[in-house]
Amino acid sequence: MREDLLALNEQGITVPVILGGAALTRRYVEDDLRKIYKGPLFYAKDAFDGLRLMAEFAAGKHKVKESQEGATAVTPEAPRRGPNLEAEIEQRYGLRPVDVEVSAPEPPVTRAAARSDITHDTPVPQPPFWGTRVLDQIDLSTPLAYINETMLFQVQWGFRKKRRSPEEWQRYIAGEIRPIYRALIDRCEREAILHPQAIYGYWPCNSSGDDLIIYAPPLGPSVPGSLGPSAEVTRFTFPRQKKAPFWCLSDFWRPASAGVVDVVAFSLVTAGRRVSEVARQWFAQNEYQQYLFLHGLGVELAEALAEYIHKQVRAELGLAAHDARDLHKLFQQGYQGSRYSFGYPACPNLEDEVPLMKLLAPERIGVSLTDGFMLDPEQSTSAIIAYHPQARYFNVR
C-alpha cells in the first residue's frame, strides 16, 4: 500500500483513498501512510465502515485541509480504538507502525552488512511424523475454546466500549453481546454451518541466506538433527530488514552450512465452505446484521483453529511447557516460536502460497487458491511455523 500511494503521487493523482481492513491499524494508516499521500486518506476498519465513508463523501461531510505533509482527511466521527485493542490487532497481524522517510531513501544493504543476531544453539526438536496429517472431523467445541472474544466482539462485530468502565463493559458483554454469540453458535450447530478442518505437518529444512530450503520428508522416524539433506522439494525466498537487526524469516532455521538438518511446520485451516455460502444468502436476504455476525464468527473461528493447531504443534515438538496458562496472554504470543502467514509484514509475498499449497494438498479439505493467491473459502488461513525461541513478529520495512 505504501508503494501504491507513492505511485499515485508520481502520477499526480490525489483522489480520496480509503485503507483498512483487519490487516491494518488506524494508527498505521493515519499516522504513517497519511504522511506519504498527497491526497486525502481515510481509514475504514471494514467494508461497512467503508460504505459509511462513501455515503459521507456523497453528502459532502468530509473536508480536507492542507499541511506540510500533504492533504489531511478530517474525519471527526471516526471512533478510535483503545491502546489495548490496537496492540492486540498489531500482535495478531505482526504489524508495527514504521517511520516513513519519503525524501531520503535508505541505501541498499550489502549481504555482508545484513547480519542478524539470531543464534542456533537450541536443540532441533523431533516431530512425531513427517509430511502431512489431515484433520477433517474436528469437533466445533475444540476451536471455540480458542476464540479471541476481544477480536470477535470489538473488531469483527464492532461493539464499542465507549465510556464504560471495565466492570460496566464486562456486564455489557455478559448481558448483551455473549447472548448473541451463544445464539449464533447454537444456530450454526443446528444447521451445520461451521465445519472446521485442518492440514498440518513437518518437513526437514535448512536456510541458505534469505532462502528456506524444504527437503522431501523421510519415510520413517529419525533422530533430531541427524538427517542428511534429501532432495529439495521447494524453497521460499523471504525479504530481509534493511536496518538492524536485519532479520529475515529464514534466519530462524539452521543454515545448510552448519551440517544439521532443521525442522519446519506448516498448517492450513478452514471454517468450511458452507459458512461463506450461508453468509452470502443472509446478505442477499437483507439480513445484514446476521450476515456481519456470521462472517465475523467464521473469520475468528479460522484464527482460533490456527491457534489450536499451533498449540498442537508446540505440544508435539515438546515446547508446550513454555505456553502461557492464561488464554489472553497466549493470544499475545505467550509461547515459544511463532507462526507467520503469507501476505503479512515478515513474509509479504502472497505468491508463496503456491508452493505451500503443493506441500499441503489443500483440496483434501476443500480449500483452493484464487488467481490472486487468496485462499478460498475466505474463512481459511495458512501458516509457516517456527519453533525458534527468538521467533517473533517483525516488519521487513
Protein backbone atom coordinates (compact mmCIF):
# COMPACT_ATOMS: atom_id res chain seq x y z
CA MET A 1 0.00 0.00 0.00
CA ARG A 2 2.86 2.35 0.70
CA GLU A 3 4.22 1.74 -2.80
CA ASP A 4 0.76 2.29 -4.34
CA LEU A 5 0.43 5.64 -2.59
CA LEU A 6 3.84 6.72 -3.83
CA ALA A 7 2.86 5.66 -7.36
CA LEU A 8 -0.31 7.78 -7.15
CA ASN A 9 1.83 10.74 -6.07
CA GLU A 10 4.14 10.26 -9.05
CA GLN A 11 1.16 10.32 -11.42
CA GLY A 12 -0.28 13.43 -9.79
CA ILE A 13 -3.40 11.54 -8.68
CA THR A 14 -4.92 12.88 -5.46
CA VAL A 15 -8.32 11.21 -5.30
CA PRO A 16 -9.57 10.23 -1.83
CA VAL A 17 -8.20 6.84 -0.76
CA ILE A 18 -9.73 4.50 1.84
CA LEU A 19 -7.44 1.96 3.51
CA GLY A 20 -8.21 -0.51 6.23
CA GLY A 21 -9.46 -3.97 6.96
CA ALA A 22 -8.18 -6.45 9.52
CA ALA A 23 -4.56 -6.27 8.40
CA LEU A 24 -4.14 -2.53 9.02
CA THR A 25 -4.35 -0.45 12.16
CA ARG A 26 -5.84 3.02 12.34
CA ARG A 27 -2.56 4.36 13.73
CA TYR A 28 -0.52 2.96 10.84
CA VAL A 29 -2.90 4.44 8.24
CA GLU A 30 -3.49 7.82 9.86
CA ASP A 31 -0.08 8.46 11.43
CA ASP A 32 2.26 6.87 8.87
CA LEU A 33 0.63 6.35 5.48
CA ARG A 34 -1.13 9.71 5.60
CA LYS A 35 2.30 11.40 5.68
CA ILE A 36 3.08 9.81 2.31
CA TYR A 37 -0.01 10.51 0.25
CA LYS A 38 -0.63 13.97 -1.24
CA GLY A 39 -4.39 13.42 -1.41
CA PRO A 40 -6.94 12.77 1.35
CA LEU A 41 -6.54 9.43 3.08
CA PHE A 42 -9.16 7.73 5.27
CA TYR A 43 -9.17 4.66 7.49
CA ALA A 44 -12.04 2.12 7.44
CA LYS A 45 -11.96 -0.81 9.81
CA ASP A 46 -14.11 -2.97 7.50
CA ALA A 47 -16.38 -2.88 4.44
CA PHE A 48 -19.28 -1.46 6.42
CA ASP A 49 -17.12 1.40 7.66
CA GLY A 50 -16.05 1.94 4.04
CA LEU A 51 -19.67 2.20 2.95
CA ARG A 52 -20.31 4.75 5.69
CA LEU A 53 -17.39 6.84 4.48
CA MET A 54 -18.59 6.67 0.88
CA ALA A 55 -22.04 7.86 1.95
CA GLU A 56 -20.43 10.74 3.84
CA PHE A 57 -18.34 11.66 0.78
CA ALA A 58 -21.51 11.82 -1.29
CA ALA A 59 -23.15 14.03 1.34
CA GLY A 60 -20.15 16.39 1.41
CA LYS A 61 -19.46 15.81 5.10
CA HIS A 62 -15.68 15.46 4.82
CA LYS A 63 -13.34 18.39 4.42
CA VAL A 64 -9.67 18.32 3.54
CA LYS A 65 -7.08 20.66 4.96
CA GLU A 66 -3.61 21.20 3.52
CA SER A 67 -0.48 20.72 5.59
CA GLN A 68 3.24 20.37 5.00
CA GLU A 69 2.82 16.60 4.84
CA GLY A 70 0.11 16.83 2.18
CA ALA A 71 -3.67 16.69 2.26
CA THR A 72 -5.12 15.57 5.57
CA ALA A 73 -8.53 13.96 5.76
CA VAL A 74 -10.62 15.23 8.66
CA THR A 75 -12.92 12.50 9.96
CA PRO A 76 -14.26 13.70 13.32
CA GLU A 77 -16.84 10.93 13.58
CA ALA A 78 -14.37 8.07 13.18
CA PRO A 79 -14.04 6.29 16.56
CA ARG A 80 -10.57 5.50 17.84
CA ARG A 81 -9.76 2.19 19.38
CA GLY A 82 -8.19 1.96 22.79
CA PRO A 83 -4.49 1.17 23.13
CA ASN A 84 -5.10 -2.38 24.38
CA LEU A 85 -7.21 -3.37 21.38
CA GLU A 86 -4.77 -1.66 19.00
CA ALA A 87 -1.91 -3.66 20.49
CA GLU A 88 -3.87 -6.90 20.15
CA ILE A 89 -4.58 -6.20 16.47
CA GLU A 90 -0.89 -5.50 15.87
CA GLN A 91 0.01 -8.70 17.70
CA ARG A 92 -2.41 -10.73 15.59
CA TYR A 93 -1.12 -9.48 12.26
CA GLY A 94 2.50 -8.79 13.12
CA LEU A 95 2.12 -5.07 12.41
CA ARG A 96 4.30 -2.36 13.83
CA PRO A 97 3.99 1.28 12.75
CA VAL A 98 7.14 2.49 10.99
CA ASP A 99 8.65 5.93 10.49
CA VAL A 100 8.49 6.84 6.81
CA GLU A 101 11.26 8.81 5.14
CA VAL A 102 9.95 9.81 1.73
CA SER A 103 12.68 12.21 0.65
CA ALA A 104 15.68 10.17 1.83
CA PRO A 105 15.54 6.55 0.62
CA GLU A 106 17.70 4.11 2.53
CA PRO A 107 20.89 2.96 0.78
CA PRO A 108 20.98 -0.71 -0.29
CA VAL A 109 22.25 -3.13 2.32
CA THR A 110 25.05 -5.49 1.33
CA ARG A 111 24.81 -9.15 2.35
CA ALA A 112 27.95 -8.78 4.46
CA ALA A 113 26.41 -5.92 6.43
CA ALA A 114 22.98 -7.54 6.85
CA ARG A 115 23.79 -9.99 9.63
CA SER A 116 21.04 -10.70 12.10
CA ASP A 117 21.58 -11.56 15.76
CA ILE A 118 19.65 -14.85 15.59
CA THR A 119 21.56 -17.79 17.07
CA HIS A 120 21.14 -21.54 16.56
CA ASP A 121 22.04 -23.20 19.84
CA THR A 122 18.56 -24.62 20.57
CA PRO A 123 18.31 -28.41 20.00
CA VAL A 124 16.33 -29.48 16.94
CA PRO A 125 13.02 -30.97 18.17
CA GLN A 126 11.76 -34.34 16.98
CA PRO A 127 8.39 -34.27 15.16
CA PRO A 128 6.09 -37.26 15.74
CA PHE A 129 5.69 -37.76 11.97
CA TRP A 130 6.94 -36.34 8.66
CA GLY A 131 4.72 -34.97 5.92
CA THR A 132 1.08 -34.05 6.47
CA ARG A 133 -1.78 -35.05 8.72
CA VAL A 134 -5.41 -34.26 7.80
CA LEU A 135 -7.97 -33.41 10.50
CA ASP A 136 -11.29 -33.42 8.67
CA GLN A 137 -13.63 -34.12 11.60
CA ILE A 138 -12.81 -31.53 14.27
CA ASP A 139 -15.50 -31.02 16.89
CA LEU A 140 -16.68 -27.40 16.84
CA SER A 141 -16.08 -27.04 20.57
CA THR A 142 -12.33 -27.53 20.04
CA PRO A 143 -11.56 -24.30 18.14
CA LEU A 144 -14.28 -22.40 20.01
CA ALA A 145 -12.16 -22.79 23.15
CA TYR A 146 -9.56 -20.58 21.40
CA ILE A 147 -11.91 -17.86 20.13
CA ASN A 148 -10.47 -14.40 20.78
CA GLU A 149 -13.54 -12.59 22.09
CA THR A 150 -11.78 -9.22 22.03
CA MET A 151 -11.18 -9.53 18.29
CA LEU A 152 -14.62 -11.01 17.63
CA PHE A 153 -16.72 -8.61 19.68
CA GLN A 154 -14.84 -5.35 19.11
CA VAL A 155 -13.13 -5.75 15.72
CA GLN A 156 -15.32 -8.14 13.72
CA TRP A 157 -18.66 -7.18 15.24
CA GLY A 158 -17.88 -3.55 16.01
CA PHE A 159 -19.18 -3.32 19.58
CA ARG A 160 -17.61 -0.33 21.38
CA LYS A 161 -16.58 0.18 24.96
CA LYS A 162 -17.34 3.90 24.66
CA ARG A 163 -17.05 5.38 28.16
CA ARG A 164 -17.87 2.23 30.08
CA SER A 165 -15.64 1.23 32.96
CA PRO A 166 -14.04 -2.24 32.76
CA GLU A 167 -16.73 -3.56 35.09
CA GLU A 168 -19.54 -1.98 33.05
CA TRP A 169 -18.04 -3.32 29.84
CA GLN A 170 -17.93 -6.88 31.23
CA ARG A 171 -21.57 -6.58 32.32
CA TYR A 172 -22.47 -5.32 28.84
CA ILE A 173 -20.68 -8.31 27.26
CA ALA A 174 -22.47 -10.75 29.58
CA GLY A 175 -25.90 -9.19 29.13
CA GLU A 176 -25.90 -8.06 25.50
CA ILE A 177 -23.04 -9.48 23.38
CA ARG A 178 -22.46 -13.01 24.64
CA PRO A 179 -26.17 -13.98 24.24
CA ILE A 180 -25.83 -13.06 20.54
CA TYR A 181 -22.70 -15.18 20.33
CA ARG A 182 -24.30 -18.20 22.02
CA ALA A 183 -27.45 -17.99 19.90
CA LEU A 184 -25.37 -17.85 16.74
CA ILE A 185 -23.28 -20.85 17.81
CA ASP A 186 -26.46 -22.80 18.54
CA ARG A 187 -27.82 -21.99 15.08
CA CYS A 188 -24.55 -22.93 13.43
CA GLU A 189 -24.59 -26.29 15.20
CA ARG A 190 -28.24 -26.98 14.29
CA GLU A 191 -27.75 -26.07 10.63
CA ALA A 192 -24.19 -27.45 10.30
CA ILE A 193 -22.90 -24.09 9.10
CA LEU A 194 -19.38 -24.39 10.53
CA HIS A 195 -17.11 -27.28 9.55
CA PRO A 196 -13.62 -26.78 11.00
CA GLN A 197 -10.89 -28.76 9.23
CA ALA A 198 -7.11 -28.62 9.12
CA ILE A 199 -3.96 -29.96 7.49
CA TYR A 200 -0.60 -29.63 9.19
CA GLY A 201 2.75 -31.33 9.12
CA TYR A 202 6.53 -31.28 9.37
CA TRP A 203 9.35 -31.12 6.85
CA PRO A 204 13.15 -31.21 7.13
CA CYS A 205 14.68 -27.91 6.10
CA ASN A 206 17.69 -25.60 6.12
CA SER A 207 18.25 -21.94 5.44
CA SER A 208 20.60 -20.56 2.82
CA GLY A 209 20.91 -16.79 3.10
CA ASP A 210 17.40 -15.41 2.57
CA ASP A 211 16.07 -18.78 1.36
CA LEU A 212 14.38 -21.54 3.32
CA ILE A 213 15.01 -24.88 1.60
CA ILE A 214 12.39 -27.61 2.13
CA TYR A 215 13.53 -31.22 1.71
CA ALA A 216 11.49 -34.32 0.95
CA PRO A 217 10.24 -35.86 4.22
CA PRO A 218 11.91 -39.13 5.27
CA LEU A 219 9.90 -42.33 5.09
CA GLY A 220 10.34 -43.23 8.74
CA PRO A 221 11.22 -41.77 12.16
CA SER A 222 14.61 -40.18 12.73
CA VAL A 223 16.77 -38.76 15.48
CA PRO A 224 16.58 -34.93 15.80
CA GLY A 225 19.24 -33.19 13.74
CA SER A 226 20.64 -36.47 12.36
CA LEU A 227 19.01 -36.37 8.93
CA GLY A 228 21.17 -35.92 5.92
CA PRO A 229 19.64 -33.45 3.45
CA SER A 230 17.39 -35.30 0.98
CA ALA A 231 16.06 -34.00 -2.31
CA GLU A 232 14.90 -30.39 -2.29
CA VAL A 233 11.16 -30.16 -2.95
CA THR A 234 10.73 -26.39 -2.81
CA ARG A 235 12.18 -23.23 -1.32
CA PHE A 236 10.89 -19.88 -0.09
CA THR A 237 12.78 -16.61 -0.50
CA PHE A 238 12.00 -14.02 2.16
CA PRO A 239 12.82 -10.30 2.33
CA ARG A 240 15.37 -9.05 4.84
CA GLN A 241 15.18 -5.94 7.02
CA LYS A 242 17.21 -3.05 5.62
CA LYS A 243 18.37 -1.91 9.03
CA ALA A 244 19.34 -3.53 12.33
CA PRO A 245 18.63 -6.16 13.50
CA PHE A 246 18.49 -7.25 9.79
CA TRP A 247 16.06 -10.08 10.43
CA CYS A 248 14.86 -12.39 7.69
CA LEU A 249 12.36 -15.20 8.28
CA SER A 250 14.83 -17.80 7.02
CA ASP A 251 17.20 -16.90 9.88
CA PHE A 252 15.06 -18.88 12.34
CA TRP A 253 16.30 -22.17 10.85
CA ARG A 254 19.83 -23.57 10.80
CA PRO A 255 21.89 -22.78 7.71
CA ALA A 256 22.78 -25.68 5.43
CA SER A 257 26.45 -24.88 6.05
CA ALA A 258 26.03 -25.98 9.70
CA GLY A 259 25.59 -29.59 8.63
CA VAL A 260 22.49 -30.10 10.80
CA VAL A 261 19.06 -30.50 9.23
CA ASP A 262 16.31 -28.48 10.93
CA VAL A 263 12.51 -28.90 11.03
CA VAL A 264 9.69 -26.57 9.93
CA ALA A 265 5.94 -26.94 10.37
CA PHE A 266 3.22 -25.73 8.00
CA SER A 267 -0.53 -25.52 8.60
CA LEU A 268 -3.76 -24.81 6.76
CA VAL A 269 -7.12 -24.42 8.49
CA THR A 270 -10.63 -23.56 7.36
CA ALA A 271 -14.04 -22.91 8.89
CA GLY A 272 -15.53 -24.64 5.83
CA ARG A 273 -17.20 -23.55 2.60
CA ARG A 274 -20.75 -23.55 3.94
CA VAL A 275 -20.20 -20.56 6.24
CA SER A 276 -19.38 -18.38 3.22
CA GLU A 277 -22.40 -19.69 1.32
CA VAL A 278 -24.80 -19.06 4.20
CA ALA A 279 -23.34 -15.61 4.83
CA ARG A 280 -23.97 -14.69 1.18
CA GLN A 281 -27.54 -15.99 1.49
CA TRP A 282 -28.21 -13.86 4.57
CA PHE A 283 -26.75 -10.81 2.85
CA ALA A 284 -28.96 -11.38 -0.21
CA GLN A 285 -31.97 -11.68 2.11
CA ASN A 286 -31.12 -8.26 3.63
CA GLU A 287 -30.21 -9.85 6.97
CA TYR A 288 -27.20 -7.56 7.19
CA GLN A 289 -26.67 -7.76 10.93
CA GLN A 290 -26.81 -11.56 10.99
CA TYR A 291 -24.51 -11.60 7.96
CA LEU A 292 -22.00 -9.43 9.82
CA PHE A 293 -22.18 -11.65 12.90
CA LEU A 294 -21.72 -14.88 10.90
CA HIS A 295 -18.95 -13.52 8.69
CA GLY A 296 -17.01 -12.28 11.72
CA LEU A 297 -17.51 -15.57 13.55
CA GLY A 298 -16.21 -17.51 10.54
CA VAL A 299 -13.08 -15.37 10.35
CA GLU A 300 -12.36 -15.70 14.06
CA LEU A 301 -13.12 -19.42 14.04
CA ALA A 302 -10.39 -19.88 11.41
CA GLU A 303 -8.00 -17.87 13.58
CA ALA A 304 -8.99 -19.91 16.65
CA LEU A 305 -8.40 -23.14 14.73
CA ALA A 306 -4.97 -21.89 13.63
CA GLU A 307 -4.22 -21.13 17.29
CA TYR A 308 -5.28 -24.64 18.28
CA ILE A 309 -3.18 -26.31 15.56
CA HIS A 310 -0.18 -24.19 16.54
CA LYS A 311 -0.61 -25.33 20.14
CA GLN A 312 -0.78 -28.93 18.89
CA VAL A 313 2.49 -28.41 17.01
CA ARG A 314 4.17 -26.98 20.10
CA ALA A 315 2.97 -29.94 22.15
CA GLU A 316 4.23 -32.44 19.58
CA LEU A 317 7.62 -30.71 19.40
CA GLY A 318 7.96 -30.68 23.19
CA LEU A 319 7.59 -26.91 23.58
CA ALA A 320 4.24 -26.69 25.38
CA ALA A 321 5.90 -26.10 28.76
CA HIS A 322 6.61 -22.55 27.61
CA ASP A 323 2.92 -21.80 26.93
CA ALA A 324 1.17 -19.14 28.99
CA ARG A 325 -1.66 -20.57 31.06
CA ASP A 326 -3.87 -17.52 30.55
CA LEU A 327 -5.65 -17.57 27.17
CA HIS A 328 -5.36 -13.81 26.72
CA LYS A 329 -1.59 -13.99 27.23
CA LEU A 330 -1.46 -16.89 24.79
CA PHE A 331 -3.02 -14.62 22.14
CA GLN A 332 -0.15 -12.19 22.78
CA GLN A 333 2.45 -14.77 21.72
CA GLY A 334 2.79 -16.26 25.18
CA TYR A 335 4.67 -19.30 23.87
CA GLN A 336 7.94 -20.31 22.22
CA GLY A 337 8.20 -19.67 18.49
CA SER A 338 5.79 -18.01 16.11
CA ARG A 339 3.52 -18.67 13.13
CA TYR A 340 3.58 -16.43 10.08
CA SER A 341 1.01 -16.08 7.31
CA PHE A 342 1.98 -15.03 3.80
CA GLY A 343 0.90 -11.50 2.92
CA TYR A 344 1.83 -10.06 6.31
CA PRO A 345 4.92 -7.97 7.14
CA ALA A 346 7.56 -10.65 7.74
CA CYS A 347 6.62 -12.63 4.59
CA PRO A 348 4.58 -10.31 2.34
CA ASN A 349 4.77 -12.37 -0.87
CA LEU A 350 1.31 -13.91 -1.44
CA GLU A 351 2.68 -15.97 -4.35
CA ASP A 352 4.41 -18.13 -1.73
CA GLU A 353 1.00 -19.72 -1.16
CA VAL A 354 1.55 -21.68 -4.41
CA PRO A 355 4.47 -23.88 -3.22
CA LEU A 356 2.88 -24.12 0.23
CA MET A 357 -0.34 -25.49 -1.24
CA LYS A 358 1.66 -28.03 -3.25
CA LEU A 359 3.09 -29.30 0.03
CA LEU A 360 -0.25 -29.39 1.86
CA ALA A 361 -2.63 -30.57 -0.94
CA PRO A 362 -5.50 -28.32 0.28
CA GLU A 363 -8.17 -29.94 -1.89
CA ARG A 364 -8.39 -32.64 0.79
CA ILE A 365 -10.29 -30.20 2.99
CA GLY A 366 -12.00 -28.25 0.20
CA VAL A 367 -9.60 -25.30 0.04
CA SER A 368 -8.12 -23.82 -3.13
CA LEU A 369 -6.18 -20.77 -4.31
CA THR A 370 -7.71 -17.98 -6.38
CA ASP A 371 -5.91 -16.34 -9.30
CA GLY A 372 -4.89 -13.63 -6.83
CA PHE A 373 -3.29 -16.19 -4.49
CA MET A 374 -6.04 -15.85 -1.88
CA LEU A 375 -7.44 -18.85 -0.01
CA ASP A 376 -10.95 -19.97 -0.91
CA PRO A 377 -13.14 -20.22 1.13
CA GLU A 378 -12.12 -16.93 2.69
CA GLN A 379 -12.55 -18.15 6.27
CA SER A 380 -9.28 -20.06 5.92
CA THR A 381 -5.70 -19.31 6.86
CA SER A 382 -2.31 -20.90 6.33
CA ALA A 383 0.95 -20.51 8.22
CA ILE A 384 4.62 -21.34 8.42
CA ILE A 385 5.57 -22.21 12.00
CA ALA A 386 8.99 -21.56 13.53
CA TYR A 387 9.91 -23.15 16.86
CA HIS A 388 12.95 -20.89 17.42
CA PRO A 389 12.89 -19.07 20.80
CA GLN A 390 13.73 -15.73 19.15
CA ALA A 391 10.95 -16.01 16.56
CA ARG A 392 8.58 -13.07 16.93
CA TYR A 393 6.55 -10.92 14.58
CA PHE A 394 8.59 -8.28 12.77
CA ASN A 395 8.29 -5.93 9.83
CA VAL A 396 10.74 -6.10 6.92
CA ARG A 397 10.23 -2.42 6.03
